[in-house]
Protein backbone atom coordinates (compact mmCIF):
# COMPACT_ATOMS: atom_id res chain seq x y z
CA MET A 1 75.12 97.91 98.02
CA SER A 2 74.23 99.50 94.66
CA PHE A 3 70.79 99.86 93.36
CA PHE A 4 71.65 97.61 90.49
CA SER A 5 73.43 94.96 92.45
CA SER A 6 70.59 94.74 94.93
CA LEU A 7 67.98 94.63 92.21
CA VAL A 8 69.77 91.86 90.42
CA SER A 9 70.23 89.90 93.60
CA ARG A 10 66.55 89.75 94.06
CA LEU A 11 65.64 88.64 90.61
CA ARG A 12 65.48 85.21 89.14
CA PHE A 13 67.94 84.82 86.28
CA SER A 14 65.78 84.35 83.29
CA SER A 15 66.53 85.90 79.92
CA ARG A 16 63.96 88.18 78.31
CA PRO A 17 61.62 88.49 81.16
CA LEU A 18 64.43 89.54 83.48
CA TYR A 19 65.68 92.16 81.07
CA SER A 20 62.13 93.35 80.38
CA ASN A 21 61.11 93.71 84.08
CA LEU A 22 64.72 95.59 84.74
CA ARG A 23 63.94 97.89 81.81
CA GLN A 24 60.21 98.50 82.87
CA THR A 25 61.28 99.06 86.54
CA LEU A 26 63.80 101.84 85.57
CA LEU A 27 61.50 103.40 83.08
CA HIS A 28 58.57 103.62 85.48
CA ARG A 29 60.79 105.33 88.04
CA ARG A 30 61.73 107.93 85.58
CA MET A 31 58.43 108.54 84.14
CA ILE A 32 56.67 109.42 87.52
CA ARG A 33 55.71 113.06 87.28
CA HIS A 34 53.91 115.69 89.30
CA SER A 35 51.36 117.60 87.39
CA THR A 36 53.59 120.78 87.90
CA LEU A 37 57.15 121.66 89.01
CA GLU A 38 55.68 123.71 91.86
CA GLN A 39 53.86 120.48 93.12
CA THR A 40 57.29 118.67 92.94
CA LEU A 41 58.81 121.43 95.20
CA ILE A 42 56.02 121.39 97.50
CA SER A 43 55.82 117.70 97.95
CA ASP A 44 59.41 116.99 98.61
CA SER A 45 59.12 117.34 102.28
CA LYS A 46 61.82 114.69 102.82
CA HIS A 47 64.46 117.25 101.87
CA SER A 48 62.61 120.50 103.05
CA TRP A 49 62.11 121.83 99.78
CA ASN A 50 58.64 123.33 100.71
CA MET A 51 58.89 126.46 98.63
CA SER A 52 57.14 128.24 95.74
CA TRP A 53 58.61 128.38 92.38
CA GLY A 54 59.29 132.06 92.84
CA CYS A 55 61.66 131.51 95.68
CA SER A 56 65.48 131.32 95.17
CA LEU A 57 66.67 127.83 94.53
CA LEU A 58 70.26 128.69 95.84
CA PRO A 59 69.75 127.01 99.08
CA MET A 60 68.57 123.94 97.43
CA ALA A 61 71.55 123.77 95.09
CA LEU A 62 73.83 124.14 98.22
CA ALA A 63 71.95 121.50 100.02
CA VAL A 64 72.19 118.73 97.39
CA SER A 65 75.88 119.68 96.86
CA ALA A 66 76.87 119.32 100.46
CA GLY A 67 80.65 118.89 100.92
CA THR A 68 81.52 120.51 97.56
CA ILE A 69 82.43 124.25 96.95
CA SER A 70 80.09 126.14 94.72
CA LEU A 71 82.20 127.88 92.32
CA ASN A 72 81.41 129.26 88.80
CA VAL A 73 82.37 126.78 86.18
CA GLN A 74 84.97 128.23 83.73
CA SER A 75 84.73 127.57 80.07
CA ASN A 76 86.59 124.46 79.18
CA LEU A 77 85.99 122.58 82.30
CA SER A 78 88.69 119.78 81.55
CA LEU A 79 91.34 122.03 80.15
CA CYS A 80 94.80 121.74 81.75
CA GLN A 81 93.62 120.97 85.34
CA THR A 82 96.98 119.27 86.09
CA GLN A 83 99.52 121.72 84.75
CA ASN A 84 101.14 121.60 88.11
CA GLY A 85 101.51 117.80 88.12
CA ASP A 86 98.51 117.12 90.22
CA PRO A 87 97.03 113.75 88.76
CA SER A 88 93.36 114.71 89.15
CA PHE A 89 90.53 112.30 88.36
CA GLY A 90 91.08 110.77 84.82
CA GLY A 91 94.48 112.15 84.45
CA LYS A 92 97.42 110.25 83.78
CA GLY A 93 98.27 108.21 86.88
CA SER A 94 94.65 108.58 88.42
CA THR A 95 93.60 105.81 90.74
CA GLU A 96 90.51 107.31 91.91
CA TYR A 97 86.87 106.23 91.13
CA LEU A 98 84.95 109.01 92.78
CA VAL A 99 84.78 111.83 90.26
CA ASN A 100 84.97 115.29 91.84
CA GLY A 101 83.77 118.44 90.13
CA GLU A 102 83.09 122.16 90.61
CA HIS A 103 79.52 122.71 91.10
CA LYS A 104 77.88 125.85 89.43
CA ASN A 105 74.64 127.02 90.81
CA VAL A 106 71.92 126.82 88.28
CA PRO A 107 70.43 130.40 88.05
CA GLN A 108 66.67 130.95 88.56
CA GLU A 109 66.47 132.24 85.03
CA LEU A 110 67.53 128.92 83.51
CA PHE A 111 64.89 127.17 85.58
CA ASP A 112 62.20 129.32 84.34
CA GLU A 113 63.47 128.96 80.65
CA LEU A 114 63.45 125.15 81.03
CA LYS A 115 59.98 125.17 82.49
CA ASP A 116 58.79 127.15 79.50
CA ILE A 117 60.26 124.69 77.19
CA CYS A 118 59.66 121.39 78.81
CA GLN A 119 56.47 122.29 80.74
CA ASP A 120 55.70 119.50 83.10
CA ASN A 121 58.37 117.15 81.70
CA MET A 122 61.06 118.26 84.12
CA THR A 123 61.85 117.54 87.76
CA ILE A 124 64.20 118.27 90.60
CA ASP A 125 62.94 115.51 92.72
CA TYR A 126 65.94 114.36 94.74
CA ASP A 127 65.42 110.60 94.36
CA GLU A 128 64.97 110.95 90.57
CA ARG A 129 68.05 113.18 90.22
CA SER A 130 69.94 110.76 92.36
CA ASP A 131 69.00 107.78 90.35
CA HIS A 132 70.10 109.71 87.19
CA GLY A 133 73.37 110.48 88.79
CA LYS A 134 74.43 107.09 89.74
CA PRO A 135 74.68 104.82 86.67
CA HIS A 136 73.01 101.54 87.48
CA ASN A 137 75.61 99.13 85.87
CA SER A 138 78.79 100.92 87.02
CA PHE A 139 80.86 101.35 90.31
CA HIS A 140 81.72 104.71 89.20
CA LYS A 141 80.41 107.54 91.35
CA ALA A 142 80.60 111.42 91.36
CA VAL A 143 80.38 113.98 94.27
CA ASN A 144 77.59 115.74 92.62
CA ILE A 145 74.21 114.74 90.94
CA PRO A 146 72.14 116.60 88.41
CA ASP A 147 70.29 119.84 89.58
CA VAL A 148 67.48 119.27 87.22
CA ILE A 149 66.13 116.58 84.74
CA VAL A 150 64.35 117.50 81.45
CA TYR A 151 62.49 115.02 79.27
CA PRO A 152 62.36 116.69 75.85
CA ARG A 153 59.65 115.39 73.38
CA CYS A 154 61.08 116.64 70.14
CA GLU A 155 64.22 117.88 68.61
CA LYS A 156 63.18 121.50 68.83
CA GLU A 157 62.81 121.19 72.61
CA VAL A 158 66.28 119.67 72.78
CA SER A 159 67.74 122.59 70.78
CA ASP A 160 66.12 125.21 73.10
CA VAL A 161 67.32 123.52 76.28
CA VAL A 162 70.88 123.29 74.85
CA LYS A 163 70.66 126.83 73.81
CA SER A 164 69.62 127.99 77.29
CA CYS A 165 72.25 125.90 79.02
CA ASN A 166 74.81 127.40 76.72
CA LYS A 167 73.76 131.03 77.37
CA HIS A 168 74.13 130.46 81.04
CA LYS A 169 77.27 128.09 80.80
CA VAL A 170 75.52 125.25 82.65
CA PRO A 171 76.84 121.70 82.04
CA ILE A 172 74.64 119.22 80.21
CA VAL A 173 74.80 115.50 80.44
CA PRO A 174 72.75 113.49 77.73
CA TYR A 175 70.99 110.32 79.18
CA GLY A 176 69.63 107.33 77.51
CA GLY A 177 69.28 103.72 78.94
CA ALA A 178 71.69 103.97 81.82
CA THR A 179 73.42 100.77 80.77
CA SER A 180 76.84 102.25 80.26
CA ILE A 181 79.82 100.86 82.34
CA GLU A 182 82.36 103.67 82.60
CA GLY A 183 80.44 106.39 84.32
CA HIS A 184 79.43 108.27 81.02
CA THR A 185 76.19 109.63 82.68
CA LEU A 186 77.75 111.02 85.93
CA SER A 187 77.04 114.63 86.63
CA PRO A 188 80.22 115.61 88.37
CA HIS A 189 79.59 119.27 87.99
CA GLY A 190 75.85 119.14 88.71
CA GLY A 191 73.87 120.99 85.88
CA VAL A 192 70.97 119.77 83.56
CA CYS A 193 70.49 115.97 82.78
CA ILE A 194 68.75 115.67 79.34
CA ASP A 195 66.91 112.23 79.54
CA MET A 196 65.96 111.33 75.97
CA THR A 197 63.60 108.38 76.83
CA LEU A 198 60.50 110.19 75.67
CA MET A 199 61.91 110.41 72.17
CA LYS A 200 61.54 106.75 71.14
CA SER A 201 59.44 106.73 67.96
CA VAL A 202 60.21 104.94 64.53
CA LYS A 203 60.15 108.07 62.23
CA SER A 204 60.21 106.09 59.02
CA LEU A 205 61.01 102.46 57.61
CA HIS A 206 62.37 101.87 54.00
CA ILE A 207 61.99 98.15 53.48
CA LYS A 208 63.38 98.12 50.00
CA ASP A 209 66.38 100.20 51.22
CA MET A 210 66.80 98.12 54.42
CA ASP A 211 67.21 101.18 56.56
CA VAL A 212 65.16 102.76 59.29
CA VAL A 213 64.94 106.31 60.84
CA VAL A 214 64.39 106.36 64.68
CA GLU A 215 64.59 108.72 67.60
CA PRO A 216 67.39 108.23 70.00
CA GLY A 217 65.32 107.07 73.06
CA ILE A 218 64.38 103.83 71.38
CA GLY A 219 65.80 100.63 72.69
CA TRP A 220 67.43 98.12 70.18
CA MET A 221 65.23 95.32 71.64
CA GLU A 222 62.15 97.54 71.23
CA LEU A 223 63.26 98.29 67.70
CA ASN A 224 63.69 94.69 66.78
CA GLU A 225 60.29 93.83 67.95
CA PHE A 226 58.77 96.55 65.66
CA LEU A 227 61.00 95.31 62.76
CA GLU A 228 60.36 91.52 63.29
CA PRO A 229 57.07 91.27 61.11
CA TYR A 230 58.86 92.93 58.16
CA GLY A 231 61.52 90.16 58.30
CA LEU A 232 64.31 92.73 59.28
CA PHE A 233 66.39 93.32 62.34
CA PHE A 234 69.08 95.67 63.63
CA PRO A 235 72.10 93.37 64.24
CA LEU A 236 73.84 94.82 67.26
CA ASP A 237 72.99 93.44 70.67
CA PRO A 238 74.81 95.20 73.64
CA GLY A 239 73.30 95.13 77.14
CA PRO A 240 69.50 94.85 77.53
CA GLY A 241 68.00 98.27 77.96
CA ALA A 242 70.53 100.04 75.78
CA THR A 243 69.04 102.69 73.55
CA ILE A 244 69.95 103.59 70.00
CA GLY A 245 71.21 107.22 71.00
CA GLY A 246 73.39 105.78 73.79
CA MET A 247 74.89 103.07 71.40
CA CYS A 248 75.79 105.64 69.03
CA ALA A 249 77.40 107.72 71.61
CA THR A 250 79.59 105.01 72.96
CA ARG A 251 80.32 103.32 69.62
CA CYS A 252 79.06 100.00 71.20
CA SER A 253 78.82 96.62 69.58
CA GLY A 254 77.90 93.00 71.00
CA SER A 255 78.18 89.49 70.24
CA LEU A 256 77.13 89.90 66.57
CA ALA A 257 79.83 92.43 65.69
CA VAL A 258 82.18 89.48 64.48
CA ARG A 259 79.74 89.23 61.42
CA TYR A 260 77.81 92.59 61.24
CA GLY A 261 80.46 95.04 62.69
CA THR A 262 80.02 97.82 65.30
CA MET A 263 77.69 100.89 65.56
CA ARG A 264 80.31 102.69 63.39
CA ASP A 265 79.41 100.20 60.59
CA ASN A 266 75.59 100.25 60.94
CA VAL A 267 74.87 103.93 61.28
CA ILE A 268 74.20 105.78 58.04
CA SER A 269 73.21 109.26 59.27
CA MET A 270 72.43 111.28 62.35
CA LYS A 271 70.96 114.54 63.42
CA VAL A 272 72.68 116.25 66.29
CA VAL A 273 72.13 119.32 68.40
CA LEU A 274 75.41 120.99 68.73
CA PRO A 275 76.48 122.90 71.96
CA ASP A 276 75.11 126.23 70.50
CA GLY A 277 71.76 124.62 69.80
CA GLU A 278 72.17 124.49 66.11
CA VAL A 279 70.87 121.04 64.43
CA VAL A 280 73.18 119.52 62.07
CA LYS A 281 72.56 116.51 59.78
CA THR A 282 75.71 114.30 59.41
CA ALA A 283 74.92 112.73 55.94
CA SER A 284 72.33 111.69 53.40
CA ARG A 285 70.60 108.38 53.31
CA ALA A 286 72.85 106.98 50.69
CA ARG A 287 74.71 103.72 51.81
CA LYS A 288 77.98 105.46 50.90
CA SER A 289 79.32 108.90 50.18
CA ALA A 290 82.60 110.73 49.46
CA ALA A 291 81.05 114.22 50.16
CA GLY A 292 82.98 116.23 52.88
CA TYR A 293 84.27 115.32 56.37
CA ASP A 294 82.75 112.25 57.80
CA LEU A 295 80.66 113.90 60.58
CA THR A 296 78.67 110.82 61.29
CA ARG A 297 81.63 108.84 62.37
CA LEU A 298 83.01 111.92 64.37
CA MET A 299 79.69 111.95 66.37
CA ILE A 300 79.78 108.13 66.89
CA GLY A 301 81.81 107.52 69.98
CA SER A 302 81.86 111.09 71.09
CA GLU A 303 80.02 110.20 74.32
CA GLY A 304 77.84 113.27 74.42
CA THR A 305 80.78 115.67 74.47
CA LEU A 306 79.99 117.23 71.09
CA GLY A 307 76.25 117.32 70.98
CA VAL A 308 73.02 115.70 71.67
CA ILE A 309 71.71 112.94 69.05
CA THR A 310 68.22 113.41 68.07
CA GLU A 311 67.79 111.21 64.94
CA VAL A 312 69.53 108.15 63.78
CA THR A 313 69.39 106.28 60.39
CA LEU A 314 70.33 102.74 60.67
CA ARG A 315 71.31 99.95 58.41
CA LEU A 316 69.18 96.94 58.77
CA GLN A 317 69.63 93.21 57.97
CA ARG A 318 67.44 90.45 56.80
CA ILE A 319 66.54 87.84 59.67
CA PRO A 320 68.48 84.77 58.94
CA GLY A 321 66.37 81.90 57.55
CA ASN A 322 68.53 79.20 59.18
CA SER A 323 71.04 79.00 61.88
CA VAL A 324 72.91 76.40 64.00
CA VAL A 325 74.17 77.02 67.65
CA ALA A 326 77.05 74.90 68.81
CA MET A 327 78.98 74.58 72.09
CA CYS A 328 82.02 72.73 72.87
CA ASN A 329 84.54 72.42 76.00
CA PHE A 330 88.22 72.50 76.46
CA PRO A 331 90.75 71.74 79.08
CA THR A 332 92.48 75.08 79.17
CA ILE A 333 91.46 78.59 78.12
CA LYS A 334 94.33 78.82 75.57
CA ASP A 335 93.04 75.88 73.79
CA ALA A 336 89.56 77.57 73.39
CA ALA A 337 91.15 80.93 72.29
CA ASP A 338 93.31 79.11 69.65
CA VAL A 339 90.15 77.53 68.32
CA ALA A 340 88.37 80.98 68.05
CA ILE A 341 91.50 82.25 65.96
CA ALA A 342 91.75 79.08 63.96
CA THR A 343 87.95 79.47 63.06
CA MET A 344 88.32 83.02 61.98
CA MET A 345 91.34 82.19 59.83
CA SER A 346 89.40 79.33 58.16
CA GLY A 347 87.25 81.90 56.47
CA ILE A 348 83.98 80.79 57.96
CA GLN A 349 81.77 83.59 58.55
CA VAL A 350 80.48 82.90 62.03
CA SER A 351 77.83 85.22 63.31
CA ARG A 352 78.85 84.64 66.95
CA LEU A 353 81.82 83.28 68.56
CA GLU A 354 81.73 83.53 72.36
CA LEU A 355 84.20 82.24 74.96
CA LEU A 356 83.20 81.58 78.68
CA ASP A 357 85.98 80.56 81.28
CA GLU A 358 85.32 77.69 83.99
CA VAL A 359 84.32 80.39 86.65
CA GLN A 360 81.80 81.73 84.40
CA VAL A 361 80.28 78.34 83.67
CA LYS A 362 80.19 77.71 87.54
CA ALA A 363 78.35 80.92 87.91
CA ILE A 364 75.69 79.84 85.38
CA ASN A 365 75.34 76.46 86.96
CA ILE A 366 74.67 78.24 90.46
CA ALA A 367 72.20 80.78 89.15
CA ASN A 368 70.20 78.31 86.98
CA GLY A 369 70.64 74.87 88.55
CA LYS A 370 72.42 73.41 85.68
CA LYS A 371 75.11 70.98 85.65
CA LEU A 372 77.36 72.13 82.69
CA PRO A 373 81.01 70.88 82.67
CA GLU A 374 82.98 73.64 84.60
CA VAL A 375 85.75 74.06 81.91
CA PRO A 376 86.39 76.77 79.40
CA THR A 377 83.58 76.73 76.75
CA LEU A 378 83.19 78.21 73.30
CA MET A 379 79.73 78.83 71.78
CA PHE A 380 79.28 79.38 67.98
CA GLU A 381 76.35 80.55 65.74
CA PHE A 382 76.29 79.82 62.13
CA ILE A 383 73.70 81.37 59.71
CA GLY A 384 72.86 80.80 56.00
CA THR A 385 71.22 78.11 54.19
CA GLU A 386 70.39 74.94 55.92
CA ALA A 387 73.16 73.21 53.91
CA TYR A 388 75.74 75.89 54.30
CA SER A 389 75.12 76.25 58.14
CA ARG A 390 75.57 72.44 58.65
CA GLU A 391 78.67 72.53 56.39
CA GLN A 392 80.11 75.32 58.70
CA THR A 393 79.47 73.36 61.80
CA LEU A 394 81.08 70.23 60.48
CA ILE A 395 84.32 72.23 59.56
CA VAL A 396 84.36 73.86 63.01
CA GLN A 397 83.98 70.58 64.66
CA LYS A 398 86.99 69.30 62.86
CA ILE A 399 88.96 72.26 64.06
CA VAL A 400 87.81 71.74 67.69
CA SER A 401 89.09 68.12 67.52
CA GLU A 402 92.46 69.35 66.36
CA HIS A 403 92.77 71.57 69.52
CA ASN A 404 91.81 69.32 72.39
CA GLY A 405 88.11 70.20 72.25
CA SER A 406 85.38 67.68 73.38
CA ASP A 407 81.70 67.39 74.04
CA PHE A 408 80.77 69.29 70.69
CA VAL A 409 77.05 69.61 70.58
CA PHE A 410 74.91 71.63 68.23
CA ALA A 411 71.30 72.34 67.81
CA GLU A 412 68.94 73.43 64.97
CA ASP A 413 65.50 73.33 66.62
CA PRO A 414 64.42 76.88 67.62
CA GLU A 415 63.78 75.86 71.45
CA ALA A 416 67.00 73.95 71.64
CA LYS A 417 68.91 76.86 70.23
CA LYS A 418 67.38 79.25 72.52
CA GLU A 419 68.14 77.03 75.52
CA LEU A 420 71.89 76.89 74.44
CA TRP A 421 72.19 80.61 73.60
CA LYS A 422 70.50 81.39 76.98
CA ILE A 423 73.73 80.41 78.80
CA ARG A 424 75.55 83.21 77.19
CA LYS A 425 72.79 85.73 77.63
CA GLU A 426 72.57 85.21 81.34
CA ALA A 427 76.31 85.30 81.94
CA LEU A 428 76.58 88.73 83.43
CA TRP A 429 73.56 88.31 85.69
CA ALA A 430 74.65 84.79 86.84
CA CYS A 431 77.87 86.18 88.25
CA PHE A 432 75.75 88.02 90.95
CA ALA A 433 74.49 84.64 92.07
CA MET A 434 77.97 83.91 93.24
CA GLU A 435 78.15 87.09 95.39
CA PRO A 436 74.91 88.77 95.40
CA ASN A 437 75.91 91.74 97.72
CA PHE A 438 79.00 92.56 95.80
CA GLU A 439 79.56 95.13 92.94
CA ALA A 440 81.23 94.23 89.77
CA MET A 441 84.08 95.92 87.88
CA ILE A 442 83.42 94.78 84.38
CA THR A 443 86.59 95.28 82.21
CA ASP A 444 86.74 95.52 78.45
CA VAL A 445 89.93 95.16 76.34
CA CYS A 446 90.45 94.25 72.75
CA VAL A 447 93.64 93.10 70.86
CA PRO A 448 94.50 91.98 67.21
CA LEU A 449 93.09 88.59 67.00
CA SER A 450 96.44 86.78 66.76
CA HIS A 451 97.20 88.02 70.31
CA LEU A 452 94.04 87.01 71.91
CA ALA A 453 95.16 83.69 73.23
CA GLU A 454 98.36 85.13 74.83
CA LEU A 455 96.27 88.04 76.39
CA ILE A 456 93.65 85.87 77.93
CA SER A 457 96.28 83.25 79.14
CA ARG A 458 98.34 85.93 80.92
CA SER A 459 95.22 87.41 82.36
CA LYS A 460 93.83 84.33 83.56
CA GLU A 461 97.09 83.75 85.77
CA LYS A 462 96.62 86.93 87.56
CA LEU A 463 92.63 86.44 87.97
CA ASP A 464 93.01 83.03 89.19
CA ALA A 465 95.79 84.03 91.72
CA SER A 466 93.55 86.82 93.11
CA ARG A 467 91.46 86.26 96.22
CA LEU A 468 88.50 88.00 94.26
CA VAL A 469 85.87 86.00 92.20
CA CYS A 470 86.74 86.86 88.48
CA THR A 471 85.10 85.49 85.33
CA VAL A 472 86.09 85.73 81.78
CA ILE A 473 83.46 86.31 78.94
CA ALA A 474 84.83 87.07 75.53
CA HIS A 475 83.67 88.00 72.02
CA ALA A 476 86.49 85.80 70.86
CA GLY A 477 85.87 86.23 67.12
CA ASP A 478 87.07 89.81 67.31
CA GLY A 479 89.64 89.89 69.99
CA ASN A 480 87.59 91.49 72.56
CA PHE A 481 87.15 90.18 76.05
CA HIS A 482 85.76 91.19 79.41
CA THR A 483 86.21 90.16 82.96
CA VAL A 484 83.76 90.48 85.72
CA ILE A 485 85.53 91.09 88.83
CA LEU A 486 83.34 90.98 92.01
CA PHE A 487 84.36 92.91 94.90
CA ASP A 488 82.99 94.02 98.32
CA PRO A 489 82.28 97.90 97.91
CA SER A 490 82.56 98.50 101.64
CA LYS A 491 86.32 97.20 101.57
CA ASP A 492 88.81 99.57 100.11
CA GLU A 493 91.47 96.70 99.72
CA ASP A 494 89.04 94.81 97.40
CA ARG A 495 88.37 97.82 95.30
CA ARG A 496 92.18 98.35 94.98
CA GLU A 497 92.83 94.74 94.15
CA ALA A 498 89.99 94.92 91.34
CA GLU A 499 91.66 97.95 89.95
CA ARG A 500 95.06 96.37 90.16
CA LEU A 501 93.73 93.49 88.03
CA ASN A 502 92.05 95.90 85.63
CA HIS A 503 95.36 97.97 85.17
CA PHE A 504 97.25 94.72 84.41
CA MET A 505 94.76 93.71 81.58
CA VAL A 506 94.63 97.25 80.03
CA HIS A 507 98.45 97.68 79.97
CA THR A 508 99.09 93.99 78.68
CA ALA A 509 96.51 94.87 75.83
CA LEU A 510 98.22 98.05 75.02
CA ALA A 511 101.55 96.42 74.77
CA MET A 512 99.98 93.98 72.19
CA GLU A 513 98.88 96.98 70.09
CA GLY A 514 95.27 96.80 71.50
CA THR A 515 92.95 99.15 73.13
CA CYS A 516 91.72 99.82 76.63
CA THR A 517 88.06 99.46 75.49
CA GLY A 518 86.81 97.57 72.64
CA GLU A 519 83.19 98.51 73.02
CA HIS A 520 82.33 99.97 76.50
CA GLY A 521 83.75 103.41 75.82
CA VAL A 522 85.98 105.77 77.86
CA GLY A 523 83.62 107.84 80.02
CA THR A 524 85.37 108.66 83.25
CA GLY A 525 86.90 105.07 83.84
CA LYS A 526 89.26 104.83 80.78
CA MET A 527 90.56 108.42 80.43
CA LYS A 528 93.57 107.60 82.34
CA TYR A 529 94.64 105.18 79.65
CA LEU A 530 94.32 107.25 76.68
CA GLU A 531 97.56 109.09 76.49
CA LYS A 532 99.51 105.76 76.50
CA GLU A 533 97.14 104.29 73.74
CA LEU A 534 96.78 107.12 71.56
CA GLY A 535 99.41 109.65 72.21
CA MET A 536 99.33 113.31 73.16
CA GLU A 537 99.10 114.53 69.57
CA ASN A 538 95.91 112.54 69.07
CA LEU A 539 94.44 113.87 72.24
CA ARG A 540 95.34 117.46 71.52
CA THR A 541 93.50 117.25 68.20
CA MET A 542 90.67 115.78 69.92
CA LYS A 543 90.63 118.68 72.46
CA LYS A 544 90.77 121.23 69.60
CA ILE A 545 87.76 119.65 67.98
CA LYS A 546 86.01 119.67 71.24
CA ASP A 547 86.78 123.28 72.06
CA ALA A 548 85.98 124.49 68.50
CA LEU A 549 82.37 122.94 68.85
CA ASP A 550 81.86 123.56 72.56
CA PRO A 551 83.83 126.74 73.54
CA ASN A 552 81.94 126.98 76.79
CA GLY A 553 82.76 123.33 77.75
CA ILE A 554 78.97 122.43 78.73
CA MET A 555 78.61 119.12 76.90
CA ASN A 556 79.21 116.23 79.30
CA PRO A 557 82.37 117.88 80.93
CA GLY A 558 84.90 115.62 82.54
CA LYS A 559 84.44 112.74 80.19
CA LEU A 560 86.30 111.23 77.22
CA ILE A 561 89.32 113.68 77.17
CA PRO A 562 91.72 113.59 79.99
CA PRO A 563 92.07 116.72 82.06
CA HIS A 564 95.73 117.10 81.51
CA VAL A 565 95.53 117.56 77.83
CA CYS A 566 96.56 121.16 76.88
CA PHE A 567 97.52 123.07 73.77
């Protein structure tokens, strides 16, 4: 059972406290430090690493990489690995989830340089490296883990670390909140994990301009706590624990994207350390600009393959003065999806429009002791003046009644709204109440809004016919939906069944001019779908950009760009 699954199964399913406790637990584990790296080496008797700093680390590197062949990593790790037709991991036709990689021994000289740069803020402790090498929300795994973890405290330290790694051609994996789904933070080639969680300050707040400059390690929930006294908030709300740097890297969004857009729309500028250690600022603080290439948008969604984000300037919004939360039920999931489409076409500016299927509602009932009708359910949030919010609510109530909807309820009282919205906030965690010892394959596809009802209906036929427990959770206002497929990780046939369902939904979405990922990103899990979605010409262009900026192939190798892409 994975660390994440076992942790979730032991926690009560509450909203903010659960998220806070989970985040604090993970951060506490990461912040444990020995006073010096020598003490770390001496104290790790569990793995027989009782040696001085001056001793060679080659035996240690071999020990932690048992079962792999230690080879020098050539430049361009992902270039043309399948020229002979071998569908290696992430390539076209790949069905593997365990990521293989060629491990390069980290030279003693690099360890010495990292120690000079980061002082005590680095570790080779096995448990901590293992924790960083296994994403907590993802079933993806790799044969190797990082050889060393560094915790830079400023941009200069990041730049110096990257320069040293580039000089020695050692892989780098940037690391934030560890909430990503598709294996973004795996270290299949070992190397150096750059954990950005110590860089979490708010550098400047411009209230009149409604923007804020932050370091990448701050979480979006922490940022909004800071902004609340000023009447401002950052409107993207992905998984609890996500950090701003990771949100930029994966181009994430969340339930509020239907009104406020995705990370692409809410980042004004960034500072990024490129693979050679040079620091580039992507844009000014102006809200719009036509000056040069849009490097900001290039870096957003690059998943750590082009550089390490060290500063982000974000667009802010005013906290709404009034809101209404509504909920209603439907006999079929198609009826619910049709209402979502009709609502968006009516011109109403909903801030949230979420869909839960009957299995997901059942999970919520089990986890929280509720007695909600176990049928497809839509949830809305409307914001604006008191009169405008009520007017929107009444218009949607009429739309619902025209599409077989029932039990339309809404709330304006803050506590009542919080209780209704808690149902959606706890959806993922509630799933594990149904199968506490299982892992979850969380899918993520998105289609043009007019195709959403058909996509969900066709997917539900497959999901309902499967022996696995599958729930549907959709950001129905922008055509993005997820399924949580619970499977026994000890049974290969269960994993294959979960993968079969995932393949079906992805290929169905692509046939409808959709995408294999609306918000989770590519990482290692979605590379195999990119050629069909984007075309080889697109991928070759991406590869040229990657190789131009990162000729030694050190930045998060084995991610985003499929290994069979050649030029």
